[in-house]
PDB file of N, CA and C in Angstrom:
ATOM      1  N   UNK A   1      86.854  58.244 102.427  1.00  0.00           N
ATOM      2  CA  UNK A   1      87.977  59.592 102.432  1.00  0.00           C
ATOM      3  C   UNK A   1      87.257  61.197 101.942  1.00  0.00           C
ATOM      4  N   UNK A   2      87.500  62.445 102.568  1.00  0.00           N
ATOM      5  CA  UNK A   2      87.728  63.229 101.678  1.00  0.00           C
ATOM      6  C   UNK A   2      89.072  64.257 101.477  1.00  0.00           C
ATOM      7  N   UNK A   3      89.220  65.792 101.578  1.00  0.00           N
ATOM      8  CA  UNK A   3      90.017  66.576 101.285  1.00  0.00           C
ATOM      9  C   UNK A   3      89.662  67.844 101.889  1.00  0.00           C
ATOM     10  N   UNK A   4      90.372  69.087 101.854  1.00  0.00           N
ATOM     11  CA  UNK A   4      90.250  69.371 102.468  1.00  0.00           C
ATOM     12  C   UNK A   4      91.486  70.859 101.539  1.00  0.00           C
ATOM     13  N   UNK A   5      91.396  72.136 101.848  1.00  0.00           N
ATOM     14  CA  UNK A   5      91.899  73.232 101.643  1.00  0.00           C
ATOM     15  C   UNK A   5      91.894  74.046 102.125  1.00  0.00           C
ATOM     16  N   UNK A   6      93.011  74.804 103.041  1.00  0.00           N
ATOM     17  CA  UNK A   6      93.410  75.636 103.783  1.00  0.00           C
ATOM     18  C   UNK A   6      93.658  76.645 103.233  1.00  0.00           C
ATOM     19  N   UNK A   7      93.114  77.779 103.476  1.00  0.00           N
ATOM     20  CA  UNK A   7      93.765  79.542 102.858  1.00  0.00           C
ATOM     21  C   UNK A   7      94.558  80.481 103.940  1.00  0.00           C
ATOM     22  N   UNK A   8      94.261  80.086 104.862  1.00  0.00           N
ATOM     23  CA  UNK A   8      94.726  80.515 105.756  1.00  0.00           C
ATOM     24  C   UNK A   8      94.811  80.259 106.787  1.00  0.00           C
ATOM     25  N   UNK A   9      95.745  80.643 107.768  1.00  0.00           N
ATOM     26  CA  UNK A   9      95.455  79.967 108.826  1.00  0.00           C
ATOM     27  C   UNK A   9      96.471  81.049 109.997  1.00  0.00           C
ATOM     28  N   UNK A  10      95.415  82.160 111.395  1.00  0.00           N
ATOM     29  CA  UNK A  10      95.705  82.593 112.583  1.00  0.00           C
ATOM     30  C   UNK A  10      96.168  84.051 111.881  1.00  0.00           C
ATOM     31  N   UNK A  11      95.777  84.333 110.671  1.00  0.00           N
ATOM     32  CA  UNK A  11      95.675  85.866 110.076  1.00  0.00           C
ATOM     33  C   UNK A  11      94.087  86.843 109.471  1.00  0.00           C
ATOM     34  N   UNK A  12      95.065  87.856 109.856  1.00  0.00           N
ATOM     35  CA  UNK A  12      93.903  88.580 109.518  1.00  0.00           C
ATOM     36  C   UNK A  12      93.021  88.543 108.208  1.00  0.00           C
ATOM     37  N   UNK A  13      91.661  88.412 108.017  1.00  0.00           N
ATOM     38  CA  UNK A  13      91.601  87.818 107.029  1.00  0.00           C
ATOM     39  C   UNK A  13      90.201  88.789 106.938  1.00  0.00           C
ATOM     40  N   UNK A  14      89.354  89.503 105.497  1.00  0.00           N
ATOM     41  CA  UNK A  14      88.302  89.507 105.282  1.00  0.00           C
ATOM     42  C   UNK A  14      87.538  87.876 104.975  1.00  0.00           C
ATOM     43  N   UNK A  15      85.914  88.357 104.346  1.00  0.00           N
ATOM     44  CA  UNK A  15      86.161  86.689 103.367  1.00  0.00           C
ATOM     45  C   UNK A  15      84.710  87.562 102.671  1.00  0.00           C
ATOM     46  N   UNK A  16      84.116  87.380 101.904  1.00  0.00           N
ATOM     47  CA  UNK A  16      82.976  88.132 101.878  1.00  0.00           C
ATOM     48  C   UNK A  16      82.649  86.830 100.436  1.00  0.00           C
ATOM     49  N   UNK A  17      81.014  86.874  99.700  1.00  0.00           N
ATOM     50  CA  UNK A  17      80.905  86.068  99.017  1.00  0.00           C
ATOM     51  C   UNK A  17      80.413  87.170  98.169  1.00  0.00           C
ATOM     52  N   UNK A  18      80.312  87.148  96.610  1.00  0.00           N
ATOM     53  CA  UNK A  18      80.524  88.842  95.776  1.00  0.00           C
ATOM     54  C   UNK A  18      79.375  88.116  95.235  1.00  0.00           C
ATOM     55  N   UNK A  19      78.343  89.340  95.183  1.00  0.00           N
ATOM     56  CA  UNK A  19      77.153  88.656  93.421  1.00  0.00           C
ATOM     57  C   UNK A  19      77.309  89.477  92.317  1.00  0.00           C
ATOM     58  N   UNK A  20      77.863  89.327  91.020  1.00  0.00           N
ATOM     59  CA  UNK A  20      78.246  90.162  90.069  1.00  0.00           C
ATOM     60  C   UNK A  20      76.540  89.689  89.113  1.00  0.00           C
ATOM     61  N   UNK A  21      75.836  90.402  88.659  1.00  0.00           N
ATOM     62  CA  UNK A  21      74.638  90.400  88.413  1.00  0.00           C
ATOM     63  C   UNK A  21      74.754  90.171  86.641  1.00  0.00           C
ATOM     64  N   UNK A  22      74.075  89.601  85.566  1.00  0.00           N
ATOM     65  CA  UNK A  22      74.207  89.647  84.375  1.00  0.00           C
ATOM     66  C   UNK A  22      74.368  90.610  83.824  1.00  0.00           C
ATOM     67  N   UNK A  23      75.868  90.689  82.856  1.00  0.00           N
ATOM     68  CA  UNK A  23      75.980  92.203  81.767  1.00  0.00           C
ATOM     69  C   UNK A  23      77.005  93.086  82.896  1.00  0.00           C
ATOM     70  N   UNK A  24      76.906  92.859  84.830  1.00  0.00           N
ATOM     71  CA  UNK A  24      77.703  94.712  85.455  1.00  0.00           C
ATOM     72  C   UNK A  24      78.840  93.523  85.693  1.00  0.00           C
ATOM     73  N   UNK A  25      79.750  94.210  85.633  1.00  0.00           N
ATOM     74  CA  UNK A  25      80.826  94.670  86.518  1.00  0.00           C
ATOM     75  C   UNK A  25      81.802  95.496  87.551  1.00  0.00           C
ATOM     76  N   UNK A  26      82.438  95.206  88.297  1.00  0.00           N
ATOM     77  CA  UNK A  26      82.994  95.923  89.328  1.00  0.00           C
ATOM     78  C   UNK A  26      83.985  96.582  89.130  1.00  0.00           C
ATOM     79  N   UNK A  27      84.082  98.114  89.335  1.00  0.00           N
ATOM     80  CA  UNK A  27      85.022  99.208  89.334  1.00  0.00           C
ATOM     81  C   UNK A  27      86.382  98.738  89.275  1.00  0.00           C
ATOM     82  N   UNK A  28      87.395  99.367  88.191  1.00  0.00           N
ATOM     83  CA  UNK A  28      88.538  98.573  87.755  1.00  0.00           C
ATOM     84  C   UNK A  28      88.961  99.284  88.751  1.00  0.00           C
ATOM     85  N   UNK A  29      89.996  98.557  89.674  1.00  0.00           N
ATOM     86  CA  UNK A  29      90.751  99.262  91.057  1.00  0.00           C
ATOM     87  C   UNK A  29      91.795  98.593  91.511  1.00  0.00           C
ATOM     88  N   UNK A  30      92.761  99.005  92.405  1.00  0.00           N
ATOM     89  CA  UNK A  30      94.153  98.729  93.903  1.00  0.00           C
ATOM     90  C   UNK A  30      93.447  98.814  95.026  1.00  0.00           C
ATOM     91  N   UNK A  31      94.286  97.970  95.274  1.00  0.00           N
ATOM     92  CA  UNK A  31      93.815  98.210  96.501  1.00  0.00           C
ATOM     93  C   UNK A  31      96.011  98.399  97.737  1.00  0.00           C
ATOM     94  N   UNK A  32      94.965  98.996  98.337  1.00  0.00           N
ATOM     95  CA  UNK A  32      97.401  99.209  98.725  1.00  0.00           C
ATOM     96  C   UNK A  32      97.747  98.275 100.861  1.00  0.00           C
ATOM     97  N   UNK A  33      96.864  98.399 100.799  1.00  0.00           N
ATOM     98  CA  UNK A  33      96.870  96.900 102.595  1.00  0.00           C
ATOM     99  C   UNK A  33      96.185  96.185 102.357  1.00  0.00           C
ATOM    100  N   UNK A  34      95.339  95.391 101.478  1.00  0.00           N
ATOM    101  CA  UNK A  34      95.031  94.213 101.542  1.00  0.00           C
ATOM    102  C   UNK A  34      95.087  93.188  99.412  1.00  0.00           C
ATOM    103  N   UNK A  35      95.970  92.123 100.140  1.00  0.00           N
ATOM    104  CA  UNK A  35      95.632  90.916  98.037  1.00  0.00           C
ATOM    105  C   UNK A  35      94.307  89.966  98.664  1.00  0.00           C
ATOM    106  N   UNK A  36      93.930  89.687  97.399  1.00  0.00           N
ATOM    107  CA  UNK A  36      92.349  89.007  97.442  1.00  0.00           C
ATOM    108  C   UNK A  36      92.560  87.140  97.169  1.00  0.00           C
ATOM    109  N   UNK A  37      91.923  86.459  97.834  1.00  0.00           N
ATOM    110  CA  UNK A  37      91.968  85.303  96.858  1.00  0.00           C
ATOM    111  C   UNK A  37      90.870  85.132  96.144  1.00  0.00           C
ATOM    112  N   UNK A  38      90.668  84.850  95.035  1.00  0.00           N
ATOM    113  CA  UNK A  38      88.921  84.870  93.923  1.00  0.00           C
ATOM    114  C   UNK A  38      88.371  83.230  94.460  1.00  0.00           C
ATOM    115  N   UNK A  39      87.951  82.848  94.130  1.00  0.00           N
ATOM    116  CA  UNK A  39      87.261  81.441  94.153  1.00  0.00           C
ATOM    117  C   UNK A  39      85.542  81.750  92.804  1.00  0.00           C
ATOM    118  N   UNK A  40      85.777  81.007  92.089  1.00  0.00           N
ATOM    119  CA  UNK A  40      84.724  81.144  91.518  1.00  0.00           C
ATOM    120  C   UNK A  40      83.580  80.294  92.017  1.00  0.00           C
ATOM    121  N   UNK A  41      81.818  80.723  92.619  1.00  0.00           N
ATOM    122  CA  UNK A  41      81.485  79.294  91.760  1.00  0.00           C
ATOM    123  C   UNK A  41      80.798  79.574  91.539  1.00  0.00           C
ATOM    124  N   UNK A  42      80.535  80.029  90.684  1.00  0.00           N
ATOM    125  CA  UNK A  42      78.721  79.313  89.498  1.00  0.00           C
ATOM    126  C   UNK A  42      79.470  79.529  88.090  1.00  0.00           C
ATOM    127  N   UNK A  43      78.258  78.572  87.588  1.00  0.00           N
ATOM    128  CA  UNK A  43      78.489  78.138  86.150  1.00  0.00           C
ATOM    129  C   UNK A  43      79.326  79.276  85.206  1.00  0.00           C
ATOM    130  N   UNK A  44      77.954  80.563  85.780  1.00  0.00           N
ATOM    131  CA  UNK A  44      78.081  81.520  84.663  1.00  0.00           C
ATOM    132  C   UNK A  44      79.417  81.717  84.626  1.00  0.00           C
ATOM    133  N   UNK A  45      79.742  83.056  82.637  1.00  0.00           N
ATOM    134  CA  UNK A  45      81.030  83.525  83.061  1.00  0.00           C
ATOM    135  C   UNK A  45      82.020  84.406  83.398  1.00  0.00           C
ATOM    136  N   UNK A  46      82.879  84.755  84.694  1.00  0.00           N
ATOM    137  CA  UNK A  46      83.350  85.467  85.506  1.00  0.00           C
ATOM    138  C   UNK A  46      84.344  85.901  84.750  1.00  0.00           C
ATOM    139  N   UNK A  47      83.612  87.110  83.920  1.00  0.00           N
ATOM    140  CA  UNK A  47      85.209  88.287  82.777  1.00  0.00           C
ATOM    141  C   UNK A  47      86.438  89.096  84.090  1.00  0.00           C
ATOM    142  N   UNK A  48      87.388  88.247  84.074  1.00  0.00           N
ATOM    143  CA  UNK A  48      88.933  88.839  85.557  1.00  0.00           C
ATOM    144  C   UNK A  48      89.740  89.207  84.385  1.00  0.00           C
ATOM    145  N   UNK A  49      90.223  90.475  85.373  1.00  0.00           N
ATOM    146  CA  UNK A  49      91.118  91.008  84.881  1.00  0.00           C
ATOM    147  C   UNK A  49      92.075  91.618  86.718  1.00  0.00           C
ATOM    148  N   UNK A  50      93.859  90.770  85.632  1.00  0.00           N
ATOM    149  CA  UNK A  50      94.395  90.719  87.004  1.00  0.00           C
ATOM    150  C   UNK A  50      95.588  91.899  85.961  1.00  0.00           C
ATOM    151  N   UNK A  51      95.718  93.071  86.822  1.00  0.00           N
ATOM    152  CA  UNK A  51      97.003  93.674  86.035  1.00  0.00           C
ATOM    153  C   UNK A  51      96.590  93.857  84.024  1.00  0.00           C
ATOM    154  N   UNK A  52      97.477  93.176  84.074  1.00  0.00           N
ATOM    155  CA  UNK A  52      97.241  92.854  81.875  1.00  0.00           C
ATOM    156  C   UNK A  52      96.883  92.010  80.883  1.00  0.00           C
ATOM    157  N   UNK A  53      96.055  90.735  82.211  1.00  0.00           N
ATOM    158  CA  UNK A  53      95.935  90.099  81.977  1.00  0.00           C
ATOM    159  C   UNK A  53      94.449  89.740  82.249  1.00  0.00           C
ATOM    160  N   UNK A  54      93.642  89.286  81.029  1.00  0.00           N
ATOM    161  CA  UNK A  54      92.120  89.202  80.825  1.00  0.00           C
ATOM    162  C   UNK A  54      91.415  87.766  80.212  1.00  0.00           C
ATOM    163  N   UNK A  55      91.029  87.057  81.593  1.00  0.00           N
ATOM    164  CA  UNK A  55      90.443  85.745  81.116  1.00  0.00           C
ATOM    165  C   UNK A  55      89.346  85.640  81.621  1.00  0.00           C
ATOM    166  N   UNK A  56      88.592  84.333  81.265  1.00  0.00           N
ATOM    167  CA  UNK A  56      87.078  84.257  80.893  1.00  0.00           C
ATOM    168  C   UNK A  56      87.847  82.974  82.273  1.00  0.00           C
ATOM    169  N   UNK A  57      86.995  83.175  83.785  1.00  0.00           N
ATOM    170  CA  UNK A  57      87.577  82.090  84.817  1.00  0.00           C
ATOM    171  C   UNK A  57      86.024  80.821  84.554  1.00  0.00           C
ATOM    172  N   UNK A  58      86.442  80.150  85.288  1.00  0.00           N
ATOM    173  CA  UNK A  58      85.194  78.608  85.501  1.00  0.00           C
ATOM    174  C   UNK A  58      85.645  78.519  86.767  1.00  0.00           C
ATOM    175  N   UNK A  59      84.249  77.634  87.427  1.00  0.00           N
ATOM    176  CA  UNK A  59      84.134  76.958  87.991  1.00  0.00           C
ATOM    177  C   UNK A  59      85.251  76.767  89.222  1.00  0.00           C
ATOM    178  N   UNK A  60      85.404  77.130  89.868  1.00  0.00           N
ATOM    179  CA  UNK A  60      86.363  76.324  90.833  1.00  0.00           C
ATOM    180  C   UNK A  60      87.803  77.126  91.032  1.00  0.00           C
ATOM    181  N   UNK A  61      87.622  77.879  89.673  1.00  0.00           N
ATOM    182  CA  UNK A  61      89.421  78.344  89.302  1.00  0.00           C
ATOM    183  C   UNK A  61      89.561  78.680  90.727  1.00  0.00           C
ATOM    184  N   UNK A  62      91.107  78.840  90.895  1.00  0.00           N
ATOM    185  CA  UNK A  62      91.137  80.271  92.166  1.00  0.00           C
ATOM    186  C   UNK A  62      91.878  81.527  91.206  1.00  0.00           C
ATOM    187  N   UNK A  63      92.047  82.526  92.099  1.00  0.00           N
ATOM    188  CA  UNK A  63      92.366  83.148  91.026  1.00  0.00           C
ATOM    189  C   UNK A  63      93.356  84.295  92.250  1.00  0.00           C
ATOM    190  N   UNK A  64      94.231  84.842  92.337  1.00  0.00           N
ATOM    191  CA  UNK A  64      95.450  85.122  93.004  1.00  0.00           C
ATOM    192  C   UNK A  64      95.410  86.902  92.992  1.00  0.00           C
ATOM    193  N   UNK A  65      95.180  87.773  92.993  1.00  0.00           N
ATOM    194  CA  UNK A  65      95.227  89.302  93.078  1.00  0.00           C
ATOM    195  C   UNK A  65      95.179  89.868  94.229  1.00  0.00           C
ATOM    196  N   UNK A  66      97.190  89.913  93.503  1.00  0.00           N
ATOM    197  CA  UNK A  66      98.436  90.538  94.744  1.00  0.00           C
ATOM    198  C   UNK A  66      97.828  92.191  95.047  1.00  0.00           C
ATOM    199  N   UNK A  67      98.529  92.278  96.332  1.00  0.00           N
ATOM    200  CA  UNK A  67      98.367  93.964  96.695  1.00  0.00           C
ATOM    201  C   UNK A  67      98.809  94.569  96.081  1.00  0.00           C
ATOM    202  N   UNK A  68      97.800  95.853  95.283  1.00  0.00           N
ATOM    203  CA  UNK A  68      98.684  96.628  94.610  1.00  0.00           C
ATOM    204  C   UNK A  68      98.068  96.341  92.924  1.00  0.00           C
ATOM    205  N   UNK A  69      97.763  95.643  92.983  1.00  0.00           N
ATOM    206  CA  UNK A  69      97.639  94.697  91.242  1.00  0.00           C
ATOM    207  C   UNK A  69      95.905  95.230  90.564  1.00  0.00           C
ATOM    208  N   UNK A  70      96.126  95.859  89.679  1.00  0.00           N
ATOM    209  CA  UNK A  70      95.076  96.516  89.039  1.00  0.00           C
ATOM    210  C   UNK A  70      94.111  94.701  89.090  1.00  0.00           C
ATOM    211  N   UNK A  71      92.955  95.318  89.385  1.00  0.00           N
ATOM    212  CA  UNK A  71      91.835  94.478  88.762  1.00  0.00           C
ATOM    213  C   UNK A  71      90.431  94.570  89.040  1.00  0.00           C
ATOM    214  N   UNK A  72      89.534  93.515  88.240  1.00  0.00           N
ATOM    215  CA  UNK A  72      88.415  94.161  87.681  1.00  0.00           C
ATOM    216  C   UNK A  72      87.839  92.563  87.796  1.00  0.00           C
ATOM    217  N   UNK A  73      85.932  92.087  87.780  1.00  0.00           N
ATOM    218  CA  UNK A  73      85.463  90.981  88.084  1.00  0.00           C
ATOM    219  C   UNK A  73      84.376  91.480  86.995  1.00  0.00           C
ATOM    220  N   UNK A  74      83.982  90.571  85.801  1.00  0.00           N
ATOM    221  CA  UNK A  74      82.704  91.356  85.413  1.00  0.00           C
ATOM    222  C   UNK A  74      81.688  89.437  84.947  1.00  0.00           C
ATOM    223  N   UNK A  75      80.588  89.989  84.749  1.00  0.00           N
ATOM    224  CA  UNK A  75      80.086  88.811  84.347  1.00  0.00           C
ATOM    225  C   UNK A  75      78.736  89.194  83.058  1.00  0.00           C
ATOM    226  N   UNK A  76      79.571  88.564  82.209  1.00  0.00           N
ATOM    227  CA  UNK A  76      78.701  89.163  80.875  1.00  0.00           C
ATOM    228  C   UNK A  76      78.021  87.459  80.101  1.00  0.00           C
ATOM    229  N   UNK A  77      77.837  86.821  81.515  1.00  0.00           N
ATOM    230  CA  UNK A  77      76.331  85.922  80.577  1.00  0.00           C
ATOM    231  C   UNK A  77      74.772  86.161  81.248  1.00  0.00           C
ATOM    232  N   UNK A  78      74.106  85.161  81.421  1.00  0.00           N
ATOM    233  CA  UNK A  78      72.815  85.579  81.847  1.00  0.00           C
ATOM    234  C   UNK A  78      71.912  85.198  82.823  1.00  0.00           C
ATOM    235  N   UNK A  79      73.301  84.790  83.462  1.00  0.00           N
ATOM    236  CA  UNK A  79      72.536  84.459  84.741  1.00  0.00           C
ATOM    237  C   UNK A  79      72.997  84.889  86.103  1.00  0.00           C
ATOM    238  N   UNK A  80      72.858  85.772  87.442  1.00  0.00           N
ATOM    239  CA  UNK A  80      74.272  86.427  88.266  1.00  0.00           C
ATOM    240  C   UNK A  80      75.380  84.873  88.468  1.00  0.00           C
ATOM    241  N   UNK A  81      76.036  85.775  88.916  1.00  0.00           N
ATOM    242  CA  UNK A  81      77.625  84.725  89.448  1.00  0.00           C
ATOM    243  C   UNK A  81      78.404  84.812  90.368  1.00  0.00           C
ATOM    244  N   UNK A  82      78.974  84.107  91.176  1.00  0.00           N
ATOM    245  CA  UNK A  82      79.478  84.238  92.385  1.00  0.00           C
ATOM    246  C   UNK A  82      80.555  84.747  92.439  1.00  0.00           C
ATOM    247  N   UNK A  83      81.822  84.533  93.385  1.00  0.00           N
ATOM    248  CA  UNK A  83      82.981  84.012  94.111  1.00  0.00           C
ATOM    249  C   UNK A  83      83.154  84.927  94.941  1.00  0.00           C
ATOM    250  N   UNK A  84      83.660  83.737  95.670  1.00  0.00           N
ATOM    251  CA  UNK A  84      84.173  84.125  96.928  1.00  0.00           C
ATOM    252  C   UNK A  84      85.608  84.732  97.453  1.00  0.00           C
ATOM    253  N   UNK A  85      86.295  85.596  98.031  1.00  0.00           N
ATOM    254  CA  UNK A  85      86.714  86.026  98.022  1.00  0.00           C
ATOM    255  C   UNK A  85      87.612  86.384  99.761  1.00  0.00           C
ATOM    256  N   UNK A  86      88.626  86.284  99.874  1.00  0.00           N
ATOM    257  CA  UNK A  86      89.307  86.607 100.684  1.00  0.00           C
ATOM    258  C   UNK A  86      89.996  87.007 100.810  1.00  0.00           C
ATOM    259  N   UNK A  87      90.174  88.190 101.434  1.00  0.00           N
ATOM    260  CA  UNK A  87      91.055  89.451 101.947  1.00  0.00           C
ATOM    261  C   UNK A  87      91.927  89.776 102.678  1.00  0.00           C
ATOM    262  N   UNK A  88      93.586  89.869 102.124  1.00  0.00           N
ATOM    263  CA  UNK A  88      94.455  89.511 103.546  1.00  0.00           C
ATOM    264  C   UNK A  88      95.056  90.604 103.822  1.00  0.00           C
ATOM    265  N   UNK A  89      94.614  90.694 105.115  1.00  0.00           N
ATOM    266  CA  UNK A  89      95.910  92.422 105.200  1.00  0.00           C
ATOM    267  C   UNK A  89      94.201  93.044 105.719  1.00  0.00           C
ATOM    268  N   UNK A  90      94.254  93.880 106.259  1.00  0.00           N
ATOM    269  CA  UNK A  90      93.598  95.322 106.776  1.00  0.00           C
ATOM    270  C   UNK A  90      92.703  95.615 105.658  1.00  0.00           C
ATOM    271  N   UNK A  91      91.314  95.627 105.712  1.00  0.00           N
ATOM    272  CA  UNK A  91      90.339  95.942 105.105  1.00  0.00           C
ATOM    273  C   UNK A  91      89.488  96.750 105.181  1.00  0.00           C
ATOM    274  N   UNK A  92      89.500  97.560 104.725  1.00  0.00           N
ATOM    275  CA  UNK A  92      88.795  98.781 104.340  1.00  0.00           C
ATOM    276  C   UNK A  92      88.404  99.905 103.167  1.00  0.00           C
ATOM    277  N   UNK A  93      87.990  99.756 103.179  1.00  0.00           N
ATOM    278  CA  UNK A  93      86.424 100.475 101.981  1.00  0.00           C
ATOM    279  C   UNK A  93      87.216 101.536 101.455  1.00  0.00           C
ATOM    280  N   UNK A  94      87.740 102.709 102.327  1.00  0.00           N
ATOM    281  CA  UNK A  94      89.099 103.537 101.613  1.00  0.00           C
ATOM    282  C   UNK A  94      90.226 103.695 101.481  1.00  0.00           C
ATOM    283  N   UNK A  95      90.508 102.064 101.332  1.00  0.00           N
ATOM    284  CA  UNK A  95      91.157 101.300 100.154  1.00  0.00           C
ATOM    285  C   UNK A  95      91.693 100.964  99.041  1.00  0.00           C
ATOM    286  N   UNK A  96      89.722 101.548  98.183  1.00  0.00           N
ATOM    287  CA  UNK A  96      89.378 100.755  97.379  1.00  0.00           C
ATOM    288  C   UNK A  96      90.141 102.132  96.601  1.00  0.00           C
ATOM    289  N   UNK A  97      90.763 102.413  95.611  1.00  0.00           N
ATOM    290  CA  UNK A  97      90.766 102.940  94.569  1.00  0.00           C
ATOM    291  C   UNK A  97      90.943 102.529  92.464  1.00  0.00           C
ATOM    292  N   UNK A  98      89.376 103.351  92.429  1.00  0.00           N
ATOM    293  CA  UNK A  98      88.958 102.985  91.374  1.00  0.00           C
ATOM    294  C   UNK A  98      89.212 103.983  90.653  1.00  0.00           C
ATOM    295  N   UNK A  99      89.951 103.043  89.342  1.00  0.00           N
ATOM    296  CA  UNK A  99      90.817 103.178  87.507  1.00  0.00           C
ATOM    297  C   UNK A  99      89.460 103.977  87.037  1.00  0.00           C
ATOM    298  N   UNK A 100      88.157 102.781  87.582  1.00  0.00           N
ATOM    299  CA  UNK A 100      86.951 102.586  86.444  1.00  0.00           C
ATOM    300  C   UNK A 100      86.029 102.848  87.009  1.00  0.00           C
ATOM    301  N   UNK A 101      84.758 102.657  86.812  1.00  0.00           N
ATOM    302  CA  UNK A 101      83.715 103.161  87.478  1.00  0.00           C
ATOM    303  C   UNK A 101      82.327 102.930  86.330  1.00  0.00           C
ATOM    304  N   UNK A 102      81.418 101.864  86.186  1.00  0.00           N
ATOM    305  CA  UNK A 102      80.660 102.031  85.792  1.00  0.00           C
ATOM    306  C   UNK A 102      79.119 102.815  86.628  1.00  0.00           C
ATOM    307  N   UNK A 103      79.372 103.171  87.235  1.00  0.00           N
ATOM    308  CA  UNK A 103      78.417 103.285  88.189  1.00  0.00           C
ATOM    309  C   UNK A 103      78.600 105.083  88.903  1.00  0.00           C
ATOM    310  N   UNK A 104      80.047 105.988  88.587  1.00  0.00           N
ATOM    311  CA  UNK A 104      81.124 107.090  88.517  1.00  0.00           C
ATOM    312  C   UNK A 104      80.649 107.264  90.497  1.00  0.00           C
ATOM    313  N   UNK A 105      81.486 106.023  90.828  1.00  0.00           N
ATOM    314  CA  UNK A 105      81.754 106.118  91.983  1.00  0.00           C
ATOM    315  C   UNK A 105      83.384 106.639  92.497  1.00  0.00           C
ATOM    316  N   UNK A 106      83.997 107.331  92.818  1.00  0.00           N
ATOM    317  CA  UNK A 106      84.531 108.214  93.568  1.00  0.00           C
ATOM    318  C   UNK A 106      85.989 106.976  94.271  1.00  0.00           C
TER     319      UNK A 106
END
């Protein structure tokens, strides 16, 4: 026997695997035109921010990032860490509004 989880059916989505290197984090950002679902793929500590909540997510954890939510992921561990990201809605890199960015991107 087996099991499956369905995350979307006949919906416009973008699917990515994001790798965050040790000691790095992505920009604190929002999106106007999409929501995201993240699933942690590795045992490395993933530091997660969604709006006012901050925590360390564990392997297998599902994280919902609502459209317009302020969010960030980081890796405070010593090995690369990956997250599966499913973006619901229109995907456009210009939809990223960076609030803070360690790499001075706008």
